[in-house]
Structures are given as structure tokens and as C-alpha cells.
């Protein structure tokens, strides 16, 4: 990957990585009521999570956010890998927005006042997809350009 691409990705990786890492570190300190609230919210939308203990769920969520935030912040992690992780993780978060009653206005994708905090995860999907696309190999594009000339 060229140096311009690495520099171009820095703002996305640093700001998003710091945000996700902070979220994971904050959840690491969650007490039982906070864990139960997070777990209840997630398991309402994703019922398979209902069998998990709230503290275990929050610990796993925290670990995933810390790992993802670190991957975004560490330049040794390939951009396409960090972007794919962010895309997958934020798609799960955005699913909460789409599937939780009261988050969207009736018959619309527009958020209610309560849904704004979850609607912002659409930005994380966009950032993740941008990193994936930017991290894809460019050899094929350069080879195609050479053949056209």
C-alpha cells in the first residue's frame, strides 16, 4: 500500500479506533445493573443472547470493542482487516437500531429522539466499508489501466 493511502486512512482509523476502544474500556467497568441493562437491550433484539449471563455478555462485548479499537489504532493491522471488523461489528449495532421498537419513526428509517444514539452506527458502517474498499489491492486496477493504454 502506498504512503498516501496510509496517511489518507489515519483520520478514519484514529478517531474511530479511539471511540471504539474507549467504549470497550468503559464497559469493562460496568456494574451489575449496567450489565443487565445492556444485556436486556441486546437480547431483546438478538434473542440468542438471552441465555448468556449479563456480566459475561458485557465482558465479551467489552473485549470485542477493545480488540476492534486496538486493531483500528495499530497501523500493523491491514486496513481491509480493520475495516471488515468495523463493518461487521457496526452492522450488529445498527441492527439494534433497525429492529428495536421505538428507535425509528413509523414507516421510516428516520430516527426518533430515542433512536439517534443508535442511528449514528450507520456512520461506523460507512467508515468500515470505506476502509475495506481503500484497503483492497490496487494491482488489478493498475494492470487494467496499463492494458487500456
C-alpha atoms as a PDB file:
ATOM      1  CA  UNK A   1       0.000   0.000   0.000  1.00  0.00           C
ATOM      2  CA  UNK A   2       1.325   3.431  -0.831  1.00  0.00           C
ATOM      3  CA  UNK A   3       2.155   6.045   1.784  1.00  0.00           C
ATOM      4  CA  UNK A   4      -0.640   8.332   0.561  1.00  0.00           C
ATOM      5  CA  UNK A   5      -3.240   5.662   1.304  1.00  0.00           C
ATOM      6  CA  UNK A   6      -1.896   5.141   4.815  1.00  0.00           C
ATOM      7  CA  UNK A   7      -1.978   8.896   5.522  1.00  0.00           C
ATOM      8  CA  UNK A   8      -5.456   9.182   3.983  1.00  0.00           C
ATOM      9  CA  UNK A   9      -6.770   6.443   6.318  1.00  0.00           C
ATOM     10  CA  UNK A  10      -5.277   7.886   9.520  1.00  0.00           C
ATOM     11  CA  UNK A  11      -8.166  10.229  10.419  1.00  0.00           C
ATOM     12  CA  UNK A  12     -10.727   7.438   9.996  1.00  0.00           C
ATOM     13  CA  UNK A  13      -8.701   4.852  11.878  1.00  0.00           C
ATOM     14  CA  UNK A  14      -7.593   7.108  14.726  1.00  0.00           C
ATOM     15  CA  UNK A  15     -10.924   8.753  15.520  1.00  0.00           C
ATOM     16  CA  UNK A  16     -12.993   5.595  15.128  1.00  0.00           C
ATOM     17  CA  UNK A  17     -10.439   3.409  16.884  1.00  0.00           C
ATOM     18  CA  UNK A  18     -10.235   5.779  19.858  1.00  0.00           C
ATOM     19  CA  UNK A  19     -14.041   5.934  20.110  1.00  0.00           C
ATOM     20  CA  UNK A  20     -14.481   2.142  19.977  1.00  0.00           C
ATOM     21  CA  UNK A  21     -11.571   1.500  22.353  1.00  0.00           C
ATOM     22  CA  UNK A  22     -12.982   3.977  24.879  1.00  0.00           C
ATOM     23  CA  UNK A  23     -16.392   2.324  24.649  1.00  0.00           C
ATOM     24  CA  UNK A  24     -14.851  -1.076  25.380  1.00  0.00           C
ATOM     25  CA  UNK A  25     -12.764   0.213  28.279  1.00  0.00           C
ATOM     26  CA  UNK A  26     -15.814   1.930  29.771  1.00  0.00           C
ATOM     27  CA  UNK A  27     -17.901  -1.255  29.544  1.00  0.00           C
ATOM     28  CA  UNK A  28     -15.091  -3.138  31.317  1.00  0.00           C
ATOM     29  CA  UNK A  29     -16.082  -1.238  34.468  1.00  0.00           C
ATOM     30  CA  UNK A  30     -19.846  -1.895  34.174  1.00  0.00           C
ATOM     31  CA  UNK A  31     -21.594  -2.866  37.391  1.00  0.00           C
ATOM     32  CA  UNK A  32     -24.371  -5.486  37.571  1.00  0.00           C
ATOM     33  CA  UNK A  33     -27.300  -3.092  36.871  1.00  0.00           C
ATOM     34  CA  UNK A  34     -25.488  -1.635  33.832  1.00  0.00           C
ATOM     35  CA  UNK A  35     -24.634  -5.139  32.584  1.00  0.00           C
ATOM     36  CA  UNK A  36     -28.258  -6.218  32.992  1.00  0.00           C
ATOM     37  CA  UNK A  37     -29.477  -3.159  31.111  1.00  0.00           C
ATOM     38  CA  UNK A  38     -27.066  -3.664  28.181  1.00  0.00           C
ATOM     39  CA  UNK A  39     -27.760  -7.382  28.082  1.00  0.00           C
ATOM     40  CA  UNK A  40     -31.525  -6.872  28.230  1.00  0.00           C
ATOM     41  CA  UNK A  41     -31.433  -4.382  25.385  1.00  0.00           C
ATOM     42  CA  UNK A  42     -29.255  -6.614  23.193  1.00  0.00           C
ATOM     43  CA  UNK A  43     -31.127  -9.835  23.962  1.00  0.00           C
ATOM     44  CA  UNK A  44     -34.467  -8.221  23.105  1.00  0.00           C
ATOM     45  CA  UNK A  45     -33.183  -7.612  19.587  1.00  0.00           C
ATOM     46  CA  UNK A  46     -30.962 -10.702  19.384  1.00  0.00           C
ATOM     47  CA  UNK A  47     -32.815 -13.399  21.397  1.00  0.00           C
ATOM     48  CA  UNK A  48     -29.945 -15.922  21.193  1.00  0.00           C
ATOM     49  CA  UNK A  49     -28.055 -13.677  23.641  1.00  0.00           C
ATOM     50  CA  UNK A  50     -30.751 -14.228  26.270  1.00  0.00           C
ATOM     51  CA  UNK A  51     -29.154 -17.421  27.582  1.00  0.00           C
ATOM     52  CA  UNK A  52     -25.893 -15.641  28.412  1.00  0.00           C
ATOM     53  CA  UNK A  53     -25.232 -14.161  31.848  1.00  0.00           C
ATOM     54  CA  UNK A  54     -25.330 -10.320  31.707  1.00  0.00           C
ATOM     55  CA  UNK A  55     -21.828  -9.907  33.196  1.00  0.00           C
ATOM     56  CA  UNK A  56     -20.359 -12.397  30.706  1.00  0.00           C
ATOM     57  CA  UNK A  57     -22.131 -10.668  27.817  1.00  0.00           C
ATOM     58  CA  UNK A  58     -20.745  -7.260  28.788  1.00  0.00           C
ATOM     59  CA  UNK A  59     -17.255  -8.696  29.305  1.00  0.00           C
ATOM     60  CA  UNK A  60     -17.322 -10.264  25.818  1.00  0.00           C
ATOM     61  CA  UNK A  61     -18.716  -7.073  24.298  1.00  0.00           C
ATOM     62  CA  UNK A  62     -16.051  -5.037  26.071  1.00  0.00           C
ATOM     63  CA  UNK A  63     -13.298  -7.392  24.869  1.00  0.00           C
ATOM     64  CA  UNK A  64     -14.581  -7.202  21.284  1.00  0.00           C
ATOM     65  CA  UNK A  65     -14.641  -3.399  21.377  1.00  0.00           C
ATOM     66  CA  UNK A  66     -11.150  -3.218  22.893  1.00  0.00           C
ATOM     67  CA  UNK A  67      -9.803  -5.603  20.244  1.00  0.00           C
ATOM     68  CA  UNK A  68     -11.537  -3.744  17.411  1.00  0.00           C
ATOM     69  CA  UNK A  69     -10.480  -0.312  18.668  1.00  0.00           C
ATOM     70  CA  UNK A  70      -6.897  -1.529  19.007  1.00  0.00           C
ATOM     71  CA  UNK A  71      -6.945  -3.037  15.505  1.00  0.00           C
ATOM     72  CA  UNK A  72      -8.058   0.300  14.095  1.00  0.00           C
ATOM     73  CA  UNK A  73      -5.392   2.208  16.030  1.00  0.00           C
ATOM     74  CA  UNK A  74      -2.485  -0.124  15.232  1.00  0.00           C
ATOM     75  CA  UNK A  75      -1.061   0.556  11.772  1.00  0.00           C
ATOM     76  CA  UNK A  76       0.316  -3.005  11.539  1.00  0.00           C
ATOM     77  CA  UNK A  77      -3.250  -4.343  11.184  1.00  0.00           C
ATOM     78  CA  UNK A  78      -4.110  -4.260   7.468  1.00  0.00           C
ATOM     79  CA  UNK A  79      -6.739  -1.688   6.594  1.00  0.00           C
ATOM     80  CA  UNK A  80      -9.009  -4.221   4.925  1.00  0.00           C
ATOM     81  CA  UNK A  81      -8.957  -6.387   8.087  1.00  0.00           C
ATOM     82  CA  UNK A  82      -9.644  -3.476  10.453  1.00  0.00           C
ATOM     83  CA  UNK A  83     -12.360  -2.185   8.108  1.00  0.00           C
ATOM     84  CA  UNK A  84     -14.020  -5.591   7.825  1.00  0.00           C
ATOM     85  CA  UNK A  85     -14.070  -5.905  11.616  1.00  0.00           C
ATOM     86  CA  UNK A  86     -15.586  -2.460  11.997  1.00  0.00           C
ATOM     87  CA  UNK A  87     -18.175  -3.156   9.302  1.00  0.00           C
ATOM     88  CA  UNK A  88     -19.287  -6.438  10.882  1.00  0.00           C
ATOM     89  CA  UNK A  89     -19.393  -5.035  14.407  1.00  0.00           C
ATOM     90  CA  UNK A  90     -21.252  -1.870  13.443  1.00  0.00           C
ATOM     91  CA  UNK A  91     -23.736  -3.851  11.337  1.00  0.00           C
ATOM     92  CA  UNK A  92     -24.700  -5.689  14.527  1.00  0.00           C
ATOM     93  CA  UNK A  93     -25.090  -2.390  16.353  1.00  0.00           C
ATOM     94  CA  UNK A  94     -27.096  -0.910  13.509  1.00  0.00           C
ATOM     95  CA  UNK A  95     -29.338  -3.991  13.668  1.00  0.00           C
ATOM     96  CA  UNK A  96     -30.338  -2.823  17.150  1.00  0.00           C
ATOM     97  CA  UNK A  97     -31.490   0.442  15.611  1.00  0.00           C
ATOM     98  CA  UNK A  98     -33.438  -1.248  12.833  1.00  0.00           C
ATOM     99  CA  UNK A  99     -35.057  -3.956  14.975  1.00  0.00           C
ATOM    100  CA  UNK A 100     -35.769  -2.249  18.294  1.00  0.00           C
ATOM    101  CA  UNK A 101     -39.255  -0.752  18.577  1.00  0.00           C
ATOM    102  CA  UNK A 102     -39.355   2.998  19.149  1.00  0.00           C
ATOM    103  CA  UNK A 103     -35.980   3.762  17.570  1.00  0.00           C
ATOM    104  CA  UNK A 104     -37.390   4.790  14.177  1.00  0.00           C
ATOM    105  CA  UNK A 105     -40.309   6.913  13.108  1.00  0.00           C
ATOM    106  CA  UNK A 106     -43.304   4.926  11.926  1.00  0.00           C
ATOM    107  CA  UNK A 107     -42.732   3.625   8.373  1.00  0.00           C
ATOM    108  CA  UNK A 108     -39.372   5.388   8.070  1.00  0.00           C
ATOM    109  CA  UNK A 109     -35.656   4.942   8.580  1.00  0.00           C
ATOM    110  CA  UNK A 110     -35.519   8.353  10.271  1.00  0.00           C
ATOM    111  CA  UNK A 111     -34.700   8.080  13.980  1.00  0.00           C
ATOM    112  CA  UNK A 112     -36.893   9.108  16.848  1.00  0.00           C
ATOM    113  CA  UNK A 113     -35.289  11.127  19.643  1.00  0.00           C
ATOM    114  CA  UNK A 114     -34.571   7.826  21.420  1.00  0.00           C
ATOM    115  CA  UNK A 115     -33.077   6.301  18.264  1.00  0.00           C
ATOM    116  CA  UNK A 116     -30.489   8.956  17.475  1.00  0.00           C
ATOM    117  CA  UNK A 117     -27.813   7.320  19.646  1.00  0.00           C
ATOM    118  CA  UNK A 118     -28.168   4.069  17.692  1.00  0.00           C
ATOM    119  CA  UNK A 119     -28.648   5.666  14.277  1.00  0.00           C
ATOM    120  CA  UNK A 120     -25.106   7.023  14.497  1.00  0.00           C
ATOM    121  CA  UNK A 121     -23.843   3.474  13.979  1.00  0.00           C
ATOM    122  CA  UNK A 122     -24.633   3.949  10.298  1.00  0.00           C
ATOM    123  CA  UNK A 123     -21.561   6.207  10.187  1.00  0.00           C
ATOM    124  CA  UNK A 124     -19.441   3.382  11.555  1.00  0.00           C
ATOM    125  CA  UNK A 125     -20.680   1.102   8.756  1.00  0.00           C
ATOM    126  CA  UNK A 126     -19.741   3.762   6.206  1.00  0.00           C
ATOM    127  CA  UNK A 127     -16.285   4.180   7.732  1.00  0.00           C
ATOM    128  CA  UNK A 128     -15.765   0.414   7.847  1.00  0.00           C
ATOM    129  CA  UNK A 129     -16.790  -0.035   4.207  1.00  0.00           C
ATOM    130  CA  UNK A 130     -14.569   2.872   3.155  1.00  0.00           C
ATOM    131  CA  UNK A 131     -11.599   1.257   4.886  1.00  0.00           C
ATOM    132  CA  UNK A 132     -12.343  -2.111   3.278  1.00  0.00           C
ATOM    133  CA  UNK A 133     -12.584  -0.576  -0.197  1.00  0.00           C
ATOM    134  CA  UNK A 134      -9.491   1.542   0.350  1.00  0.00           C
ATOM    135  CA  UNK A 135      -7.572  -1.473   1.620  1.00  0.00           C
ATOM    136  CA  UNK A 136      -8.335  -3.722  -1.331  1.00  0.00           C
ATOM    137  CA  UNK A 137      -5.346  -4.493  -3.543  1.00  0.00           C
ATOM    138  CA  UNK A 138      -4.795  -1.945  -6.297  1.00  0.00           C
ATOM    139  CA  UNK A 139      -2.723  -4.166  -8.572  1.00  0.00           C
ATOM    140  CA  UNK A 140      -5.732  -5.208 -10.613  1.00  0.00           C
ATOM    141  CA  UNK A 141      -6.776  -1.601 -11.194  1.00  0.00           C
ATOM    142  CA  UNK A 142      -3.257  -0.605 -12.259  1.00  0.00           C
ATOM    143  CA  UNK A 143      -2.988  -3.639 -14.571  1.00  0.00           C
ATOM    144  CA  UNK A 144      -6.306  -2.760 -16.227  1.00  0.00           C
ATOM    145  CA  UNK A 145      -5.167   0.819 -16.803  1.00  0.00           C
ATOM    146  CA  UNK A 146      -1.934  -0.399 -18.422  1.00  0.00           C
ATOM    147  CA  UNK A 147      -3.850  -2.706 -20.776  1.00  0.00           C
ATOM    148  CA  UNK A 148      -6.088   0.149 -21.941  1.00  0.00           C
ATOM    149  CA  UNK A 149      -3.131   2.322 -22.968  1.00  0.00           C
END
